[in-house]
Amino acid sequence: MRILLIEDDAVLGAAVHDQIAGDGHSVDWVKRLDAASDAMASTGYELVLLDLMLPDGRGIRFLKELRARGDVTPVIILTALDQITDRIEGLNAGADDYLIKPFDLAELSARIGSVARRYTGNPNPIIRHGALDVDLAARSIRRDGTPVQLTAREWALFEAFLSRPAQLLSKAQLEDRLYAFGAEIESNTIEVHVSRLRKKLGADVIRTERGLGYRLGAP
């Protein structure tokens, strides 16, 4: 997934960034609400991690404005505000989940996966696709019962296809899944990763629509 992290604490922000990047997501990290608004205006995110107390305002206002204009991007609030009233306000404003600081980074990864699955319409972390058994929560795959090891970027790419099984994904959309702002992208990066996935998971697991993009193959 491509995730926007809005957090002004340098230490926590770096820890969260490294955790979710290590999970295979591409992460853009901003420290102010105005920068967050600019990022969301130019980029399609699949999840937002939102601190409530930012240097230029409250995250609740940002969230309410997001929902008021019809933006349904999933939002998980990360905050030190631990009163029940704060949590109720956040959830009523349109947050999908709420984590109180300090939190365990592994729990954050689990919450991200849970929210993402709900939004793709499949809350079950276990998916069977042909000869593949995929555990989205454990980030593991078995092919005909044999474990298959994927790199973080291979997993991120395959997860993109699983979350939109009937959808054609362009090369640009797939690149967005793998890279945050400013990262250099080789012209053949997607082709290389798709080739590796086919070798590991099966030649027909990803179909090429010549000149258009790629889609998940039939089970």
Protein backbone atom coordinates (compact mmCIF):
# COMPACT_ATOMS: atom_id res chain seq x y z
CA MET A 1 0.00 0.00 0.00
CA ARG A 2 0.97 3.61 -0.35
CA ILE A 3 0.61 5.22 3.07
CA LEU A 4 0.72 8.84 4.21
CA LEU A 5 2.21 9.29 7.68
CA ILE A 6 1.36 12.63 9.36
CA GLU A 7 3.50 12.85 12.51
CA ASP A 8 5.69 15.68 13.83
CA ASP A 9 7.64 13.69 16.43
CA ALA A 10 10.95 12.88 14.73
CA VAL A 11 11.78 9.79 16.81
CA LEU A 12 8.34 8.19 16.63
CA GLY A 13 7.89 9.17 13.00
CA ALA A 14 11.17 7.50 12.04
CA ALA A 15 10.24 4.33 13.96
CA VAL A 16 6.79 4.13 12.37
CA HIS A 17 8.21 4.89 8.92
CA ASP A 18 10.82 2.14 9.21
CA GLN A 19 8.27 -0.36 10.54
CA ILE A 20 5.71 0.02 7.78
CA ALA A 21 8.36 0.38 5.06
CA GLY A 22 9.81 -2.88 6.36
CA ASP A 23 6.35 -4.41 5.95
CA GLY A 24 6.60 -3.67 2.23
CA HIS A 25 4.53 -0.49 2.04
CA SER A 26 5.65 2.74 0.41
CA VAL A 27 5.50 5.62 2.89
CA ASP A 28 5.41 9.39 2.51
CA TRP A 29 6.09 11.15 5.82
CA VAL A 30 5.02 14.75 6.49
CA LYS A 31 5.10 16.73 9.74
CA ARG A 32 2.44 19.37 9.09
CA LEU A 33 -1.20 19.42 8.01
CA ASP A 34 -0.56 21.81 5.13
CA ALA A 35 2.05 19.41 3.73
CA ALA A 36 -0.43 16.54 4.23
CA SER A 37 -3.10 18.42 2.24
CA ASP A 38 -0.63 19.02 -0.60
CA ALA A 39 0.40 15.36 -0.60
CA MET A 40 -3.18 14.11 -0.73
CA ALA A 41 -4.05 16.53 -3.53
CA SER A 42 -1.34 15.08 -5.74
CA THR A 43 -1.18 11.41 -4.73
CA GLY A 44 -3.68 8.59 -4.24
CA TYR A 45 -3.12 7.02 -0.83
CA GLU A 46 -4.62 3.80 0.43
CA LEU A 47 -4.22 4.64 4.10
CA VAL A 48 -3.41 7.65 6.32
CA LEU A 49 -1.74 7.51 9.74
CA LEU A 50 -2.74 10.73 11.51
CA ASP A 51 -1.38 12.38 14.64
CA LEU A 52 -3.92 14.68 16.32
CA MET A 53 -1.60 17.43 17.58
CA LEU A 54 0.40 18.98 14.73
CA PRO A 55 2.36 22.27 14.66
CA ASP A 56 -0.21 23.94 12.37
CA GLY A 57 -3.43 22.56 13.85
CA ARG A 58 -5.44 19.60 15.09
CA GLY A 59 -5.69 16.39 13.13
CA ILE A 60 -9.40 16.13 13.93
CA ARG A 61 -10.11 19.20 11.82
CA PHE A 62 -8.07 17.71 8.96
CA LEU A 63 -10.02 14.43 9.23
CA LYS A 64 -13.41 16.16 9.30
CA GLU A 65 -12.53 18.18 6.21
CA LEU A 66 -11.35 15.00 4.48
CA ARG A 67 -14.67 13.27 5.12
CA ALA A 68 -16.72 16.38 4.33
CA ARG A 69 -15.40 16.39 0.77
CA GLY A 70 -16.24 12.72 0.33
CA ASP A 71 -12.74 11.28 0.71
CA VAL A 72 -13.07 7.74 2.11
CA THR A 73 -9.34 6.96 2.44
CA PRO A 74 -8.91 4.81 5.58
CA VAL A 75 -7.47 6.76 8.53
CA ILE A 76 -5.82 5.40 11.67
CA ILE A 77 -5.28 7.98 14.42
CA LEU A 78 -2.00 7.82 16.34
CA THR A 79 -2.10 10.05 19.43
CA ALA A 80 -1.14 10.55 23.05
CA LEU A 81 -4.66 11.80 23.81
CA ASP A 82 -6.02 8.87 25.79
CA GLN A 83 -9.32 10.09 27.17
CA ILE A 84 -12.47 8.24 26.12
CA THR A 85 -13.90 11.55 24.87
CA ASP A 86 -10.89 11.99 22.57
CA ARG A 87 -11.34 8.51 21.13
CA ILE A 88 -15.06 9.04 20.61
CA GLU A 89 -14.39 12.37 18.87
CA GLY A 90 -11.85 10.75 16.56
CA LEU A 91 -14.07 7.83 15.62
CA ASN A 92 -17.10 10.08 15.14
CA ALA A 93 -15.03 12.31 12.87
CA GLY A 94 -14.49 9.35 10.54
CA ALA A 95 -11.39 7.52 11.80
CA ASP A 96 -11.26 3.80 11.11
CA ASP A 97 -9.05 2.92 14.07
CA TYR A 98 -7.30 4.60 17.01
CA LEU A 99 -3.94 3.80 18.63
CA ILE A 100 -2.74 5.41 21.87
CA LYS A 101 0.93 6.37 22.16
CA PRO A 102 3.15 4.65 23.12
CA PHE A 103 2.07 1.62 21.08
CA ASP A 104 3.73 -1.56 19.90
CA LEU A 105 4.93 -1.30 16.31
CA ALA A 106 3.87 -4.88 15.57
CA GLU A 107 0.34 -3.97 16.69
CA LEU A 108 0.39 -1.01 14.30
CA SER A 109 1.28 -3.36 11.45
CA ALA A 110 -1.62 -5.62 12.41
CA ARG A 111 -4.05 -2.70 12.60
CA ILE A 112 -2.96 -1.47 9.17
CA GLY A 113 -3.56 -4.93 7.69
CA SER A 114 -6.96 -5.23 9.36
CA VAL A 115 -8.19 -1.84 8.13
CA ALA A 116 -6.86 -2.50 4.62
CA ARG A 117 -8.68 -5.84 4.42
CA ARG A 118 -11.96 -4.27 5.50
CA TYR A 119 -11.69 -1.68 2.76
CA THR A 120 -10.98 -4.24 0.06
CA GLY A 121 -14.11 -6.13 1.10
CA ASN A 122 -12.35 -9.23 2.42
CA PRO A 123 -11.83 -9.13 6.21
CA ASN A 124 -10.61 -12.73 6.15
CA PRO A 125 -6.78 -12.75 6.23
CA ILE A 126 -6.66 -16.16 4.49
CA ILE A 127 -7.02 -16.17 0.71
CA ARG A 128 -6.84 -19.19 -1.59
CA HIS A 129 -5.91 -18.46 -5.19
CA GLY A 130 -5.41 -21.55 -7.32
CA ALA A 131 -2.47 -23.48 -5.85
CA LEU A 132 -1.63 -20.59 -3.51
CA ASP A 133 -2.67 -20.25 0.13
CA VAL A 134 -2.03 -16.66 1.19
CA ASP A 135 -2.09 -15.49 4.82
CA LEU A 136 -2.33 -11.71 4.62
CA ALA A 137 -1.90 -11.23 8.37
CA ALA A 138 1.22 -13.39 8.60
CA ARG A 139 2.41 -12.22 5.18
CA SER A 140 3.11 -15.79 4.15
CA ILE A 141 2.39 -17.87 1.05
CA ARG A 142 2.31 -21.59 0.38
CA ARG A 143 2.28 -23.03 -3.13
CA ASP A 144 0.88 -26.56 -3.17
CA GLY A 145 1.70 -26.68 0.54
CA THR A 146 5.31 -25.52 0.15
CA PRO A 147 6.31 -22.17 1.70
CA VAL A 148 7.33 -19.47 -0.76
CA GLN A 149 9.57 -16.60 0.32
CA LEU A 150 8.93 -13.17 -1.18
CA THR A 151 10.95 -10.02 -0.74
CA ALA A 152 9.19 -6.97 0.74
CA ARG A 153 8.68 -5.41 -2.69
CA GLU A 154 7.52 -8.67 -4.26
CA TRP A 155 4.98 -9.02 -1.45
CA ALA A 156 3.79 -5.41 -1.86
CA LEU A 157 3.29 -5.97 -5.57
CA PHE A 158 1.45 -9.27 -5.18
CA GLU A 159 -0.73 -7.79 -2.42
CA ALA A 160 -1.73 -5.03 -4.86
CA PHE A 161 -3.09 -7.65 -7.27
CA LEU A 162 -4.83 -9.62 -4.51
CA SER A 163 -6.61 -6.51 -3.23
CA ARG A 164 -8.02 -5.80 -6.73
CA PRO A 165 -8.38 -9.24 -8.31
CA ALA A 166 -10.48 -8.15 -11.29
CA GLN A 167 -8.80 -4.82 -11.92
CA LEU A 168 -6.21 -3.89 -14.51
CA LEU A 169 -3.28 -2.14 -12.81
CA SER A 170 -1.08 0.16 -14.84
CA LYS A 171 2.69 0.24 -14.51
CA ALA A 172 2.44 3.68 -12.86
CA GLN A 173 -0.06 2.40 -10.28
CA LEU A 174 2.22 -0.49 -9.41
CA GLU A 175 5.24 1.80 -9.12
CA ASP A 176 3.25 3.91 -6.64
CA ARG A 177 2.84 0.78 -4.52
CA LEU A 178 6.59 0.31 -4.29
CA TYR A 179 8.07 3.76 -3.97
CA ALA A 180 7.62 6.89 -1.89
CA PHE A 181 8.31 10.44 -3.13
CA GLY A 182 11.83 11.03 -4.37
CA ALA A 183 12.83 7.40 -4.83
CA GLU A 184 14.55 6.54 -8.07
CA ILE A 185 12.69 4.02 -10.21
CA GLU A 186 14.36 1.94 -12.88
CA SER A 187 12.39 1.76 -16.12
CA ASN A 188 12.10 -2.04 -15.93
CA THR A 189 11.48 -2.40 -12.18
CA ILE A 190 7.91 -3.65 -12.48
CA GLU A 191 8.78 -6.08 -15.27
CA VAL A 192 11.60 -7.54 -13.15
CA HIS A 193 9.39 -8.01 -10.08
CA VAL A 194 6.54 -9.51 -12.11
CA SER A 195 8.98 -11.97 -13.68
CA ARG A 196 10.24 -13.00 -10.24
CA LEU A 197 6.69 -13.46 -8.94
CA ARG A 198 5.84 -15.70 -11.89
CA LYS A 199 8.90 -17.87 -11.20
CA LYS A 200 7.99 -18.22 -7.53
CA LEU A 201 4.19 -18.40 -7.69
CA GLY A 202 3.41 -19.75 -11.16
CA ALA A 203 3.68 -18.55 -14.73
CA ASP A 204 -0.02 -17.62 -14.93
CA VAL A 205 -0.33 -15.84 -11.59
CA ILE A 206 -0.07 -12.41 -13.26
CA ARG A 207 -1.36 -11.65 -16.74
CA THR A 208 0.15 -8.99 -18.98
CA GLU A 209 -2.29 -6.77 -20.89
CA ARG A 210 0.13 -5.54 -23.53
CA GLY A 211 0.45 -1.77 -23.57
CA LEU A 212 -2.00 -1.37 -20.68
CA GLY A 213 -0.68 -3.06 -17.56
CA TYR A 214 -1.16 -6.22 -15.52
CA ARG A 215 -3.89 -8.08 -13.71
CA LEU A 216 -4.18 -11.11 -11.44
CA GLY A 217 -4.49 -14.35 -13.37
CA ALA A 218 -7.46 -16.70 -13.00
CA PRO A 219 -7.36 -19.03 -9.94
